[in-house]
Amino acid sequence: MKRSKIILPDNLAEALDAYVRDQEVPPSTTAVVQVALEAFLMERGYLPSQKKRLRITPVKGGDTDTSINHDEFLYGQTELRN
């Protein structure tokens, strides 16, 4: 990991401070800057996307109450595999 010191103009520093303050769980300034820089570099093609996005596609005609009855659903799936 490389350590860098940056100097922000007043308007960016104030906006960053306001953003951090407004969060329910305030992130560190370092975390905000890292995420912003990562997004900037990915958009421009200098950094490959390292995050695999989870895509959930509902099954047509499937169960609609799996989130409520997940134990019964998973137990039934385990029985089928054994």
Protein backbone atom coordinates (compact mmCIF):
# COMPACT_ATOMS: atom_id res chain seq x y z
CA MET A 1 0.00 0.00 0.00
CA LYS A 2 1.26 3.46 -0.83
CA ARG A 3 0.73 6.47 1.41
CA SER A 4 -0.08 9.78 -0.32
CA LYS A 5 -0.72 13.25 0.96
CA ILE A 6 -3.23 15.33 -0.96
CA ILE A 7 -4.20 18.96 -0.74
CA LEU A 8 -7.85 19.75 -1.36
CA PRO A 9 -9.25 23.12 -2.32
CA ASP A 10 -11.58 24.54 0.32
CA ASN A 11 -14.76 23.76 -1.63
CA LEU A 12 -13.83 20.05 -2.00
CA ALA A 13 -12.74 19.77 1.63
CA GLU A 14 -16.02 21.32 2.82
CA ALA A 15 -18.09 19.06 0.56
CA LEU A 16 -16.17 16.00 1.77
CA ASP A 17 -16.64 16.98 5.42
CA ALA A 18 -20.37 17.55 4.84
CA TYR A 19 -20.72 14.16 3.14
CA VAL A 20 -18.96 12.36 5.99
CA ARG A 21 -21.06 14.20 8.59
CA ASP A 22 -24.33 13.31 6.85
CA GLN A 23 -23.70 9.56 6.89
CA GLU A 24 -25.41 7.44 9.54
CA VAL A 25 -22.07 5.69 10.12
CA PRO A 26 -19.43 8.21 9.05
CA PRO A 27 -16.71 6.64 6.91
CA SER A 28 -13.10 7.71 7.15
CA THR A 29 -11.89 10.37 4.75
CA THR A 30 -9.43 7.80 3.41
CA ALA A 31 -12.24 5.35 2.58
CA VAL A 32 -14.26 8.01 0.75
CA VAL A 33 -11.27 9.16 -1.29
CA GLN A 34 -10.27 5.57 -2.16
CA VAL A 35 -13.78 4.70 -3.39
CA ALA A 36 -14.04 7.91 -5.40
CA LEU A 37 -10.62 7.43 -6.98
CA GLU A 38 -11.36 3.79 -7.77
CA ALA A 39 -14.62 4.74 -9.51
CA PHE A 40 -12.87 7.53 -11.43
CA LEU A 41 -10.12 5.23 -12.69
CA MET A 42 -12.54 2.40 -13.57
CA GLU A 43 -14.73 4.75 -15.61
CA ARG A 44 -11.71 5.77 -17.66
CA GLY A 45 -10.42 2.23 -18.17
CA TYR A 46 -7.26 2.53 -16.06
CA LEU A 47 -8.45 0.08 -13.44
CA PRO A 48 -10.32 -3.13 -14.19
CA SER A 49 -13.49 -3.75 -12.26
CA GLN A 50 -12.50 -5.87 -9.28
CA LYS A 51 -15.94 -6.24 -7.80
CA LYS A 52 -18.24 -8.98 -8.91
CA ARG A 53 -21.78 -7.75 -8.75
CA LEU A 54 -24.39 -10.10 -7.36
CA ARG A 55 -27.27 -10.33 -9.75
CA ILE A 56 -30.39 -12.03 -8.51
CA THR A 57 -33.00 -12.96 -11.06
CA PRO A 58 -36.32 -14.20 -9.71
CA VAL A 59 -37.58 -17.48 -11.08
CA LYS A 60 -40.91 -17.21 -12.87
CA GLY A 61 -43.49 -19.33 -11.12
CA GLY A 62 -41.22 -19.99 -8.13
CA ASP A 63 -42.06 -19.74 -4.47
CA THR A 64 -42.95 -16.26 -3.28
CA ASP A 65 -42.42 -16.83 0.43
CA THR A 66 -38.84 -18.14 0.50
CA SER A 67 -37.61 -15.20 2.58
CA ILE A 68 -40.20 -16.04 5.23
CA ASN A 69 -40.01 -19.84 5.11
CA HIS A 70 -36.32 -20.20 4.27
CA ASP A 71 -35.66 -22.94 6.85
CA GLU A 72 -38.35 -25.20 5.42
CA PHE A 73 -37.20 -24.42 1.88
CA LEU A 74 -33.53 -25.16 2.59
CA TYR A 75 -34.37 -28.29 4.57
CA GLY A 76 -36.40 -29.54 1.61
CA GLN A 77 -33.49 -28.82 -0.75
CA THR A 78 -31.05 -30.75 1.45
CA GLU A 79 -33.34 -33.75 1.52
CA LEU A 80 -33.44 -33.80 -2.27
CA ARG A 81 -29.65 -33.86 -2.53
CA ASN A 82 -29.11 -36.73 -0.09
